[in-house]
Every structure is written in C-alpha cells, then in structure tokens.
Amino acid sequence: MQRVTASFLFLYLAIPIMLPAQRAVDPFNRYHRLICLVHLKGTGQKDDPIMPEYIAEGVATASAAAAASGQGAKAETHAVNASPDPPTDTVPIASSPKAGDPQQPMAPSTAAARPGIVSWSMEFTDDKNMAIIHVVAVDRHAFDAILADKRTDIRVFEIGKDSKDTIEKEMRKYKKDFSLDSFQVVAQ
C-alpha cells in the first residue's frame, strides 16, 4: 500500500513539472513562408489599388475556399489587415525544418481546407518601384506561381531554407535598412 501511495505521490508531483514543457508553436514559425522581391501592379485608383504581384490571386484563392466553407470574413481579414508598415517585433528565422516541424507539409485535409495565401505583409523598396513581401500559406503549393517565376529581377527566399543573413544581404540592395527582425506576419 505504501508503494502505491508513493507512486501516486510521485506522479502528482512530477506531472506539473512536465506540463510546462508542452508549449505551443510560435506563431511566427507556423506554416510555409517566403520573403520575395516582386513588382507592384495597379494604378492606385479606388477600383485598382497598388498591390504586390501574386497577392491578389493567392488571397482570392484563400477567400473563395473560406467562403465555400462558411468562413469568408475570417479569411478576408487575414489578407486585408496587412499594411505597408509592418510591425516592429522580431521574426525568428527557423533553422532547417525537421520531421514534425510545423513548416513541414500538413495533412492533406488541413492544407486543402486553407489553400492560397493566408497572410501577408509588404514594404516598398527605396525607389518605390517594387515591394518586398512576406507571404504565408498553409499549403506550399500556394507558392507554385512565385517559385516558378524565373525573371531575373524577382528574388524569392524561403524561411527555414535560406539563412537570415542571406535574405537581409540581398534585400538591403533594394531597401537599405531592411531587417527581418522588423518584418513579420502572424498567421493563425
């Protein structure tokens, strides 16, 4: 009986010590993420806002899927709330992805439920002719068009595969004070 009591007492004391080890994934490291230098499109008129390439198409895909599942307003909010002035908190850059890492492909049913770009942010380059964008997608296939673009003036970096130093060095050619620490997107 003493052995059973001692075992329960041990478990009663040990479980609360182990629970804090179960942390949620940092929102800045969820899903697939790209940092890209892309052209701007649009006239700036009410019907045709100035936006970076690939954003409208990717957001439309996500919004259509969300509307079909009854969550249209929620998906639209993720994309519309992005602003040219990104938040100033830090962005951890993931090291190389590992098995079970949230940046690894999700189960087909989860990825299919959220196609397209789910969140994005942008900064104009110093000459205001192009934009540096941070795009987030649940399914990596949402980036197929961006990754297939072979134009020499387009730059694409994948967070988790390309180093922070490599990304910042290249983007500073277009925006002198560019820093990944002040350029982030949170996707839920």
N, C-alpha and C. Protein backbone atom coordinates (compact mmCIF):
# COMPACT_ATOMS: atom_id res chain seq x y z
N MET A 1 0.82 -1.19 0.00
CA MET A 1 0.00 0.00 0.00
C MET A 1 0.86 1.26 0.00
N GLN A 2 1.97 1.19 0.73
CA GLN A 2 2.85 2.34 0.77
C GLN A 2 3.48 2.59 -0.60
N ARG A 3 3.74 1.52 -1.33
CA ARG A 3 4.34 1.64 -2.65
C ARG A 3 3.35 2.32 -3.61
N VAL A 4 2.08 1.97 -3.55
CA VAL A 4 1.05 2.58 -4.38
C VAL A 4 0.90 4.05 -4.02
N THR A 5 0.89 4.36 -2.76
CA THR A 5 0.76 5.75 -2.30
C THR A 5 1.97 6.56 -2.75
N ALA A 6 3.15 5.98 -2.64
CA ALA A 6 4.36 6.68 -3.06
C ALA A 6 4.35 6.92 -4.57
N SER A 7 3.84 5.96 -5.34
CA SER A 7 3.76 6.11 -6.79
C SER A 7 2.80 7.24 -7.16
N PHE A 8 1.64 7.29 -6.54
CA PHE A 8 0.68 8.36 -6.81
C PHE A 8 1.23 9.72 -6.39
N LEU A 9 1.91 9.75 -5.28
CA LEU A 9 2.50 11.00 -4.81
C LEU A 9 3.57 11.47 -5.81
N PHE A 10 4.38 10.54 -6.30
CA PHE A 10 5.40 10.89 -7.29
C PHE A 10 4.75 11.46 -8.56
N LEU A 11 3.72 10.78 -9.06
CA LEU A 11 3.03 11.26 -10.26
C LEU A 11 2.36 12.61 -10.02
N TYR A 12 1.78 12.79 -8.86
CA TYR A 12 1.13 14.03 -8.51
C TYR A 12 2.13 15.19 -8.51
N LEU A 13 3.34 14.94 -8.10
CA LEU A 13 4.36 15.98 -8.08
C LEU A 13 5.10 16.11 -9.41
N ALA A 14 5.24 15.03 -10.16
CA ALA A 14 6.01 15.05 -11.40
C ALA A 14 5.23 15.62 -12.59
N ILE A 15 3.95 15.37 -12.66
CA ILE A 15 3.17 15.82 -13.82
C ILE A 15 3.18 17.34 -13.94
N PRO A 16 2.97 18.12 -12.90
CA PRO A 16 3.02 19.58 -13.07
C PRO A 16 4.39 20.08 -13.52
N ILE A 17 5.43 19.36 -13.20
CA ILE A 17 6.77 19.76 -13.63
C ILE A 17 6.93 19.52 -15.13
N MET A 18 6.32 18.46 -15.66
CA MET A 18 6.45 18.13 -17.08
C MET A 18 5.51 18.95 -17.97
N LEU A 19 4.41 19.43 -17.46
CA LEU A 19 3.44 20.14 -18.29
C LEU A 19 3.98 21.41 -18.94
N PRO A 20 4.77 22.22 -18.27
CA PRO A 20 5.28 23.42 -18.96
C PRO A 20 6.15 23.11 -20.17
N ALA A 21 6.65 21.92 -20.28
CA ALA A 21 7.47 21.56 -21.44
C ALA A 21 6.62 21.46 -22.70
N GLN A 22 5.32 21.39 -22.59
CA GLN A 22 4.41 21.28 -23.73
C GLN A 22 3.99 22.68 -24.16
N ARG A 23 4.79 23.31 -25.02
CA ARG A 23 4.49 24.67 -25.47
C ARG A 23 3.91 24.64 -26.88
N ALA A 24 3.10 25.64 -27.15
CA ALA A 24 2.55 25.79 -28.50
C ALA A 24 3.64 26.29 -29.43
N VAL A 25 3.46 26.06 -30.72
CA VAL A 25 4.40 26.54 -31.73
C VAL A 25 4.29 28.06 -31.80
N ASP A 26 5.43 28.71 -31.88
CA ASP A 26 5.47 30.16 -32.03
C ASP A 26 4.73 30.54 -33.30
N PRO A 27 3.78 31.49 -33.26
CA PRO A 27 3.02 31.87 -34.46
C PRO A 27 3.89 32.34 -35.62
N PHE A 28 5.09 32.83 -35.33
CA PHE A 28 5.98 33.29 -36.39
C PHE A 28 6.66 32.14 -37.12
N ASN A 29 6.52 30.93 -36.61
CA ASN A 29 7.15 29.77 -37.25
C ASN A 29 6.13 28.79 -37.81
N ARG A 30 4.87 29.18 -37.86
CA ARG A 30 3.84 28.30 -38.41
C ARG A 30 3.78 28.42 -39.92
N TYR A 31 3.44 27.35 -40.55
CA TYR A 31 3.15 27.30 -41.98
C TYR A 31 4.38 27.55 -42.85
N HIS A 32 4.16 27.69 -44.15
CA HIS A 32 5.23 27.92 -45.13
C HIS A 32 5.33 29.43 -45.34
N ARG A 33 6.56 29.93 -45.44
CA ARG A 33 6.77 31.37 -45.54
C ARG A 33 7.83 31.70 -46.57
N LEU A 34 7.57 32.76 -47.34
CA LEU A 34 8.53 33.26 -48.31
C LEU A 34 8.77 34.75 -48.08
N ILE A 35 9.98 35.18 -48.35
CA ILE A 35 10.31 36.60 -48.45
C ILE A 35 10.66 36.81 -49.92
N CYS A 36 9.97 37.75 -50.57
CA CYS A 36 10.13 37.92 -52.01
C CYS A 36 10.27 39.39 -52.38
N LEU A 37 11.00 39.65 -53.44
CA LEU A 37 11.06 40.96 -54.07
C LEU A 37 10.24 40.82 -55.35
N VAL A 38 9.15 41.57 -55.44
CA VAL A 38 8.24 41.44 -56.59
C VAL A 38 7.86 42.83 -57.11
N HIS A 39 7.30 42.85 -58.30
CA HIS A 39 6.82 44.09 -58.91
C HIS A 39 5.51 44.51 -58.26
N LEU A 40 5.21 45.78 -58.38
CA LEU A 40 3.91 46.30 -57.96
C LEU A 40 2.99 46.33 -59.17
N LYS A 41 1.71 46.18 -58.92
CA LYS A 41 0.75 46.30 -60.01
C LYS A 41 -0.44 47.10 -59.51
N GLY A 42 -1.18 47.67 -60.41
CA GLY A 42 -2.33 48.50 -60.07
C GLY A 42 -2.04 49.97 -60.34
N THR A 43 -3.11 50.75 -60.47
CA THR A 43 -2.97 52.17 -60.79
C THR A 43 -3.05 53.06 -59.56
N GLY A 44 -3.51 52.52 -58.46
CA GLY A 44 -3.68 53.32 -57.25
C GLY A 44 -5.06 53.94 -57.15
N GLN A 45 -5.91 53.66 -58.13
CA GLN A 45 -7.29 54.16 -58.10
C GLN A 45 -8.12 53.29 -57.15
N LYS A 46 -9.32 53.77 -56.83
CA LYS A 46 -10.19 53.06 -55.90
C LYS A 46 -10.47 51.62 -56.34
N ASP A 47 -10.71 51.42 -57.63
CA ASP A 47 -11.02 50.09 -58.15
C ASP A 47 -9.78 49.23 -58.40
N ASP A 48 -8.60 49.87 -58.41
CA ASP A 48 -7.37 49.18 -58.78
C ASP A 48 -6.22 49.60 -57.85
N PRO A 49 -6.24 49.12 -56.59
CA PRO A 49 -5.20 49.54 -55.65
C PRO A 49 -3.83 49.01 -56.06
N ILE A 50 -2.79 49.71 -55.60
CA ILE A 50 -1.43 49.25 -55.85
C ILE A 50 -1.15 48.11 -54.89
N MET A 51 -0.80 46.96 -55.47
CA MET A 51 -0.53 45.77 -54.67
C MET A 51 0.66 45.03 -55.26
N PRO A 52 1.33 44.24 -54.45
CA PRO A 52 2.41 43.42 -54.99
C PRO A 52 1.85 42.30 -55.87
N GLU A 53 2.67 41.85 -56.83
CA GLU A 53 2.28 40.71 -57.65
C GLU A 53 2.01 39.51 -56.76
N TYR A 54 1.18 38.61 -57.23
CA TYR A 54 0.86 37.32 -56.61
C TYR A 54 -0.06 37.42 -55.40
N ILE A 55 -0.22 38.57 -54.81
CA ILE A 55 -1.02 38.67 -53.60
C ILE A 55 -2.50 38.54 -53.91
N ALA A 56 -3.01 39.29 -54.85
CA ALA A 56 -4.44 39.26 -55.15
C ALA A 56 -4.91 37.86 -55.55
N GLU A 57 -4.12 37.16 -56.37
CA GLU A 57 -4.50 35.83 -56.81
C GLU A 57 -4.48 34.84 -55.64
N GLY A 58 -3.45 34.90 -54.82
CA GLY A 58 -3.34 33.98 -53.69
C GLY A 58 -4.38 34.22 -52.63
N VAL A 59 -4.70 35.49 -52.39
CA VAL A 59 -5.72 35.83 -51.41
C VAL A 59 -7.10 35.45 -51.93
N ALA A 60 -7.33 35.63 -53.23
CA ALA A 60 -8.62 35.26 -53.81
C ALA A 60 -8.87 33.77 -53.66
N THR A 61 -7.84 32.97 -53.84
CA THR A 61 -7.97 31.51 -53.68
C THR A 61 -8.36 31.18 -52.24
N ALA A 62 -7.68 31.80 -51.28
CA ALA A 62 -7.96 31.54 -49.87
C ALA A 62 -9.35 32.04 -49.49
N SER A 63 -9.75 33.21 -49.99
CA SER A 63 -11.06 33.77 -49.67
C SER A 63 -12.18 32.92 -50.26
N ALA A 64 -12.00 32.44 -51.49
CA ALA A 64 -13.03 31.61 -52.13
C ALA A 64 -13.20 30.31 -51.36
N ALA A 65 -12.12 29.70 -50.94
CA ALA A 65 -12.21 28.45 -50.19
C ALA A 65 -12.87 28.68 -48.84
N ALA A 66 -12.55 29.80 -48.20
CA ALA A 66 -13.15 30.10 -46.90
C ALA A 66 -14.64 30.40 -47.05
N ALA A 67 -15.01 31.12 -48.11
CA ALA A 67 -16.42 31.42 -48.33
C ALA A 67 -17.22 30.15 -48.57
N ALA A 68 -16.62 29.22 -49.29
CA ALA A 68 -17.30 27.96 -49.56
C ALA A 68 -17.51 27.15 -48.29
N SER A 69 -16.62 27.33 -47.32
CA SER A 69 -16.76 26.60 -46.06
C SER A 69 -17.46 27.42 -44.99
N GLY A 70 -17.94 28.62 -45.35
CA GLY A 70 -18.67 29.44 -44.39
C GLY A 70 -17.78 30.31 -43.51
N GLN A 71 -16.51 30.51 -43.88
CA GLN A 71 -15.61 31.33 -43.08
C GLN A 71 -15.06 32.49 -43.91
N GLY A 72 -15.82 33.02 -44.83
CA GLY A 72 -15.33 34.04 -45.75
C GLY A 72 -14.76 35.26 -45.07
N ALA A 73 -15.42 35.80 -44.06
CA ALA A 73 -14.95 37.02 -43.42
C ALA A 73 -13.62 36.80 -42.72
N LYS A 74 -13.45 35.64 -42.12
CA LYS A 74 -12.22 35.37 -41.40
C LYS A 74 -11.02 35.33 -42.34
N ALA A 75 -11.12 34.65 -43.46
CA ALA A 75 -10.00 34.56 -44.40
C ALA A 75 -9.70 35.92 -45.01
N GLU A 76 -10.72 36.71 -45.30
CA GLU A 76 -10.52 38.03 -45.87
C GLU A 76 -9.78 38.93 -44.90
N THR A 77 -10.09 38.82 -43.61
CA THR A 77 -9.46 39.65 -42.60
C THR A 77 -7.96 39.41 -42.55
N HIS A 78 -7.51 38.16 -42.67
CA HIS A 78 -6.08 37.87 -42.63
C HIS A 78 -5.34 38.63 -43.71
N ALA A 79 -5.90 38.70 -44.89
CA ALA A 79 -5.20 39.31 -46.01
C ALA A 79 -5.34 40.82 -46.01
N VAL A 80 -6.50 41.34 -45.66
CA VAL A 80 -6.75 42.76 -45.76
C VAL A 80 -6.04 43.55 -44.66
N ASN A 81 -5.82 42.94 -43.51
CA ASN A 81 -5.20 43.66 -42.41
C ASN A 81 -3.71 43.89 -42.59
N ALA A 82 -3.10 43.32 -43.60
CA ALA A 82 -1.67 43.55 -43.83
C ALA A 82 -1.49 44.99 -44.28
N SER A 83 -0.44 45.63 -43.82
CA SER A 83 -0.23 47.02 -44.16
C SER A 83 1.17 47.23 -44.71
N PRO A 84 1.40 48.37 -45.40
CA PRO A 84 2.73 48.64 -45.90
C PRO A 84 3.75 48.84 -44.78
N ASP A 85 3.29 49.22 -43.59
CA ASP A 85 4.19 49.41 -42.46
C ASP A 85 4.07 48.21 -41.54
N PRO A 86 4.99 47.27 -41.62
CA PRO A 86 4.90 46.07 -40.81
C PRO A 86 5.18 46.35 -39.35
N PRO A 87 4.74 45.44 -38.44
CA PRO A 87 5.03 45.59 -37.04
C PRO A 87 6.53 45.56 -36.79
N THR A 88 6.94 46.00 -35.61
CA THR A 88 8.37 46.10 -35.34
C THR A 88 8.88 45.01 -34.42
N ASP A 89 8.07 44.02 -34.08
CA ASP A 89 8.56 42.93 -33.24
C ASP A 89 9.52 42.06 -34.03
N THR A 90 10.17 41.14 -33.36
CA THR A 90 11.18 40.32 -34.03
C THR A 90 10.56 39.13 -34.74
N VAL A 91 11.25 38.64 -35.74
CA VAL A 91 10.84 37.46 -36.50
C VAL A 91 11.92 36.41 -36.37
N PRO A 92 11.66 35.35 -35.61
CA PRO A 92 12.66 34.30 -35.55
C PRO A 92 12.71 33.58 -36.89
N ILE A 93 13.89 33.31 -37.36
CA ILE A 93 14.06 32.56 -38.60
C ILE A 93 14.36 31.13 -38.22
N ALA A 94 13.53 30.23 -38.69
CA ALA A 94 13.68 28.83 -38.33
C ALA A 94 14.94 28.25 -38.95
N SER A 95 15.53 27.33 -38.25
CA SER A 95 16.65 26.59 -38.84
C SER A 95 16.07 25.57 -39.80
N SER A 96 16.87 24.70 -40.30
CA SER A 96 16.36 23.76 -41.29
C SER A 96 15.21 22.94 -40.70
N PRO A 97 14.13 22.75 -41.48
CA PRO A 97 12.97 22.04 -40.98
C PRO A 97 13.30 20.59 -40.62
N LYS A 98 12.62 20.09 -39.61
CA LYS A 98 12.79 18.71 -39.17
C LYS A 98 11.44 17.99 -39.26
N ALA A 99 11.47 16.71 -39.16
CA ALA A 99 10.22 15.94 -39.19
C ALA A 99 9.34 16.39 -38.05
N GLY A 100 8.08 16.60 -38.31
CA GLY A 100 7.14 17.04 -37.29
C GLY A 100 7.15 18.55 -37.11
N ASP A 101 8.04 19.25 -37.79
CA ASP A 101 8.12 20.70 -37.71
C ASP A 101 6.86 21.29 -38.35
N PRO A 102 6.31 22.40 -37.81
CA PRO A 102 5.10 22.98 -38.38
C PRO A 102 5.30 23.49 -39.81
N GLN A 103 6.53 23.66 -40.26
CA GLN A 103 6.74 24.11 -41.62
C GLN A 103 6.75 22.94 -42.60
N GLN A 104 6.71 21.73 -42.10
CA GLN A 104 6.61 20.57 -42.97
C GLN A 104 5.17 20.52 -43.50
N PRO A 105 4.94 19.89 -44.63
CA PRO A 105 3.60 19.83 -45.19
C PRO A 105 2.59 19.27 -44.20
N MET A 106 1.43 19.90 -44.17
CA MET A 106 0.37 19.47 -43.27
C MET A 106 -0.40 18.33 -43.89
N ALA A 107 -1.24 17.72 -43.12
CA ALA A 107 -2.10 16.65 -43.63
C ALA A 107 -2.93 17.20 -44.78
N PRO A 108 -3.18 16.40 -45.81
CA PRO A 108 -3.90 16.90 -46.97
C PRO A 108 -5.24 17.55 -46.64
N SER A 109 -5.98 17.02 -45.67
CA SER A 109 -7.28 17.59 -45.36
C SER A 109 -7.14 18.98 -44.77
N THR A 110 -6.13 19.24 -43.95
CA THR A 110 -5.93 20.55 -43.36
C THR A 110 -5.45 21.55 -44.41
N ALA A 111 -4.49 21.16 -45.22
CA ALA A 111 -3.96 22.05 -46.25
C ALA A 111 -5.03 22.38 -47.29
N ALA A 112 -5.84 21.41 -47.66
CA ALA A 112 -6.89 21.64 -48.65
C ALA A 112 -7.96 22.59 -48.13
N ALA A 113 -8.16 22.62 -46.82
CA ALA A 113 -9.17 23.49 -46.24
C ALA A 113 -8.72 24.95 -46.25
N ARG A 114 -7.42 25.22 -46.40
CA ARG A 114 -6.90 26.59 -46.39
C ARG A 114 -5.91 26.79 -47.53
N PRO A 115 -6.38 26.75 -48.77
CA PRO A 115 -5.47 26.95 -49.90
C PRO A 115 -5.14 28.44 -50.06
N GLY A 116 -4.15 28.73 -50.83
CA GLY A 116 -3.81 30.11 -51.13
C GLY A 116 -3.01 30.78 -50.01
N ILE A 117 -2.80 32.06 -50.18
CA ILE A 117 -2.04 32.85 -49.20
C ILE A 117 -2.98 33.25 -48.07
N VAL A 118 -2.62 32.89 -46.85
CA VAL A 118 -3.49 33.18 -45.71
C VAL A 118 -3.12 34.48 -45.00
N SER A 119 -1.89 34.97 -45.21
CA SER A 119 -1.48 36.22 -44.59
C SER A 119 -0.28 36.78 -45.34
N TRP A 120 -0.13 38.11 -45.30
CA TRP A 120 0.99 38.74 -45.99
C TRP A 120 1.27 40.12 -45.44
N SER A 121 2.46 40.60 -45.73
CA SER A 121 2.86 41.95 -45.36
C SER A 121 3.83 42.43 -46.43
N MET A 122 4.00 43.75 -46.54
CA MET A 122 4.90 44.27 -47.57
C MET A 122 5.61 45.52 -47.11
N GLU A 123 6.73 45.78 -47.73
CA GLU A 123 7.47 47.04 -47.59
C GLU A 123 7.86 47.46 -49.00
N PHE A 124 7.73 48.76 -49.28
CA PHE A 124 8.18 49.26 -50.57
C PHE A 124 9.70 49.32 -50.58
N THR A 125 10.28 49.11 -51.76
CA THR A 125 11.72 49.30 -51.90
C THR A 125 12.01 50.80 -51.83
N ASP A 126 13.27 51.17 -51.71
CA ASP A 126 13.63 52.58 -51.59
C ASP A 126 13.18 53.40 -52.80
N ASP A 127 13.19 52.82 -54.00
CA ASP A 127 12.76 53.55 -55.19
C ASP A 127 11.25 53.47 -55.42
N LYS A 128 10.54 52.75 -54.58
CA LYS A 128 9.07 52.59 -54.63
C LYS A 128 8.56 51.93 -55.91
N ASN A 129 9.44 51.26 -56.66
CA ASN A 129 9.03 50.57 -57.88
C ASN A 129 8.71 49.11 -57.66
N MET A 130 9.18 48.56 -56.55
CA MET A 130 8.94 47.15 -56.25
C MET A 130 8.58 47.04 -54.77
N ALA A 131 8.23 45.82 -54.37
CA ALA A 131 7.87 45.58 -52.97
C ALA A 131 8.58 44.34 -52.46
N ILE A 132 8.92 44.37 -51.19
CA ILE A 132 9.42 43.18 -50.52
C ILE A 132 8.23 42.64 -49.74
N ILE A 133 7.86 41.40 -50.00
CA ILE A 133 6.69 40.82 -49.35
C ILE A 133 7.08 39.61 -48.51
N HIS A 134 6.32 39.43 -47.46
CA HIS A 134 6.42 38.24 -46.60
C HIS A 134 5.06 37.56 -46.74
N VAL A 135 5.02 36.39 -47.34
CA VAL A 135 3.76 35.68 -47.58
C VAL A 135 3.74 34.37 -46.81
N VAL A 136 2.54 34.00 -46.35
CA VAL A 136 2.36 32.80 -45.54
C VAL A 136 1.25 31.97 -46.16
N ALA A 137 1.49 30.66 -46.24
CA ALA A 137 0.47 29.73 -46.75
C ALA A 137 0.53 28.44 -45.97
N VAL A 138 -0.62 27.82 -45.79
CA VAL A 138 -0.68 26.53 -45.12
C VAL A 138 -0.13 25.45 -46.04
N ASP A 139 -0.48 25.53 -47.30
CA ASP A 139 -0.04 24.56 -48.30
C ASP A 139 1.04 25.20 -49.17
N ARG A 140 2.18 24.58 -49.28
CA ARG A 140 3.30 25.14 -50.05
C ARG A 140 2.94 25.33 -51.52
N HIS A 141 1.97 24.60 -52.02
CA HIS A 141 1.57 24.74 -53.43
C HIS A 141 0.97 26.12 -53.72
N ALA A 142 0.60 26.86 -52.70
CA ALA A 142 0.12 28.22 -52.91
C ALA A 142 1.22 29.10 -53.49
N PHE A 143 2.47 28.69 -53.33
CA PHE A 143 3.61 29.45 -53.82
C PHE A 143 4.11 28.98 -55.18
N ASP A 144 3.43 28.05 -55.81
CA ASP A 144 3.91 27.49 -57.07
C ASP A 144 4.19 28.57 -58.11
N ALA A 145 3.30 29.54 -58.26
CA ALA A 145 3.50 30.59 -59.27
C ALA A 145 4.71 31.46 -58.93
N ILE A 146 4.88 31.79 -57.67
CA ILE A 146 6.02 32.62 -57.26
C ILE A 146 7.32 31.85 -57.48
N LEU A 147 7.35 30.61 -57.05
CA LEU A 147 8.57 29.81 -57.18
C LEU A 147 8.91 29.50 -58.63
N ALA A 148 7.93 29.51 -59.51
CA ALA A 148 8.17 29.22 -60.92
C ALA A 148 8.60 30.46 -61.71
N ASP A 149 8.48 31.65 -61.12
CA ASP A 149 8.85 32.90 -61.79
C ASP A 149 10.36 32.96 -61.95
N LYS A 150 10.84 32.96 -63.17
CA LYS A 150 12.28 32.94 -63.44
C LYS A 150 12.81 34.30 -63.92
N ARG A 151 12.03 35.37 -63.78
CA ARG A 151 12.53 36.69 -64.17
C ARG A 151 13.74 37.05 -63.30
N THR A 152 14.71 37.69 -63.88
CA THR A 152 15.96 37.97 -63.16
C THR A 152 15.80 39.03 -62.07
N ASP A 153 14.78 39.87 -62.14
CA ASP A 153 14.62 40.91 -61.12
C ASP A 153 13.74 40.48 -59.95
N ILE A 154 13.21 39.28 -59.98
CA ILE A 154 12.41 38.74 -58.88
C ILE A 154 13.32 37.92 -57.97
N ARG A 155 13.21 38.14 -56.67
CA ARG A 155 14.02 37.39 -55.69
C ARG A 155 13.06 36.66 -54.77
N VAL A 156 13.34 35.38 -54.51
CA VAL A 156 12.48 34.57 -53.65
C VAL A 156 13.36 33.81 -52.66
N PHE A 157 13.01 33.93 -51.38
CA PHE A 157 13.73 33.23 -50.32
C PHE A 157 12.71 32.51 -49.44
N GLU A 158 13.03 31.30 -49.07
CA GLU A 158 12.13 30.52 -48.22
C GLU A 158 12.67 30.50 -46.79
N ILE A 159 11.86 30.96 -45.87
CA ILE A 159 12.26 30.97 -44.46
C ILE A 159 12.38 29.52 -44.00
N GLY A 160 13.49 29.22 -43.38
CA GLY A 160 13.77 27.87 -42.96
C GLY A 160 14.76 27.17 -43.88
N LYS A 161 14.86 27.64 -45.11
CA LYS A 161 15.82 27.08 -46.06
C LYS A 161 16.96 28.06 -46.34
N ASP A 162 16.62 29.34 -46.48
CA ASP A 162 17.62 30.37 -46.71
C ASP A 162 17.93 31.05 -45.38
N SER A 163 19.19 31.38 -45.17
CA SER A 163 19.58 31.98 -43.89
C SER A 163 19.13 33.44 -43.79
N LYS A 164 18.99 33.88 -42.58
CA LYS A 164 18.60 35.26 -42.30
C LYS A 164 19.60 36.22 -42.93
N ASP A 165 20.88 35.93 -42.80
CA ASP A 165 21.92 36.81 -43.35
C ASP A 165 21.83 36.91 -44.87
N THR A 166 21.58 35.79 -45.54
CA THR A 166 21.45 35.79 -47.00
C THR A 166 20.27 36.64 -47.44
N ILE A 167 19.14 36.48 -46.76
CA ILE A 167 17.94 37.24 -47.12
C ILE A 167 18.18 38.73 -46.91
N GLU A 168 18.70 39.10 -45.74
CA GLU A 168 18.91 40.52 -45.44
C GLU A 168 19.94 41.15 -46.38
N LYS A 169 21.01 40.45 -46.68
CA LYS A 169 22.05 40.98 -47.56
C LYS A 169 21.46 41.31 -48.94
N GLU A 170 20.66 40.39 -49.49
CA GLU A 170 20.08 40.62 -50.81
C GLU A 170 19.03 41.73 -50.78
N MET A 171 18.17 41.74 -49.78
CA MET A 171 17.10 42.74 -49.73
C MET A 171 17.62 44.14 -49.42
N ARG A 172 18.76 44.24 -48.77
CA ARG A 172 19.35 45.57 -48.48
C ARG A 172 19.86 46.24 -49.75
N LYS A 173 19.98 45.50 -50.83
CA LYS A 173 20.32 46.11 -52.11
C LYS A 173 19.16 46.97 -52.61
N TYR A 174 17.95 46.67 -52.15
CA TYR A 174 16.74 47.35 -52.62
C TYR A 174 16.11 48.23 -51.55
N LYS A 175 16.37 47.93 -50.30
CA LYS A 175 15.89 48.74 -49.17
C LYS A 175 17.01 48.76 -48.14
N LYS A 176 17.66 49.91 -48.03
CA LYS A 176 18.93 49.97 -47.29
C LYS A 176 18.82 49.57 -45.82
N ASP A 177 17.68 49.80 -45.18
CA ASP A 177 17.55 49.48 -43.75
C ASP A 177 16.69 48.23 -43.51
N PHE A 178 16.61 47.35 -44.51
CA PHE A 178 15.78 46.16 -44.37
C PHE A 178 16.30 45.24 -43.26
N SER A 179 15.38 44.75 -42.45
CA SER A 179 15.72 43.82 -41.38
C SER A 179 14.57 42.84 -41.19
N LEU A 180 14.88 41.58 -41.13
CA LEU A 180 13.84 40.59 -40.87
C LEU A 180 13.30 40.71 -39.45
N ASP A 181 14.06 41.33 -38.57
CA ASP A 181 13.60 41.50 -37.19
C ASP A 181 12.41 42.44 -37.11
N SER A 182 12.22 43.30 -38.12
CA SER A 182 11.09 44.23 -38.10
C SER A 182 10.07 43.93 -39.19
N PHE A 183 10.18 42.79 -39.81
CA PHE A 183 9.30 42.43 -40.93
C PHE A 183 8.69 41.07 -40.66
N GLN A 184 7.44 41.05 -40.27
CA GLN A 184 6.84 39.80 -39.83
C GLN A 184 5.38 39.70 -40.21
N VAL A 185 4.89 38.49 -40.17
CA VAL A 185 3.48 38.20 -40.41
C VAL A 185 3.10 37.09 -39.44
N VAL A 186 1.99 37.27 -38.75
CA VAL A 186 1.48 36.21 -37.88
C VAL A 186 0.26 35.61 -38.56
N ALA A 187 0.23 34.31 -38.71
CA ALA A 187 -0.90 33.62 -39.33
C ALA A 187 -1.44 32.60 -38.34
N GLN A 188 -2.72 32.61 -38.14
CA GLN A 188 -3.37 31.68 -37.23
C GLN A 188 -3.99 30.54 -37.98
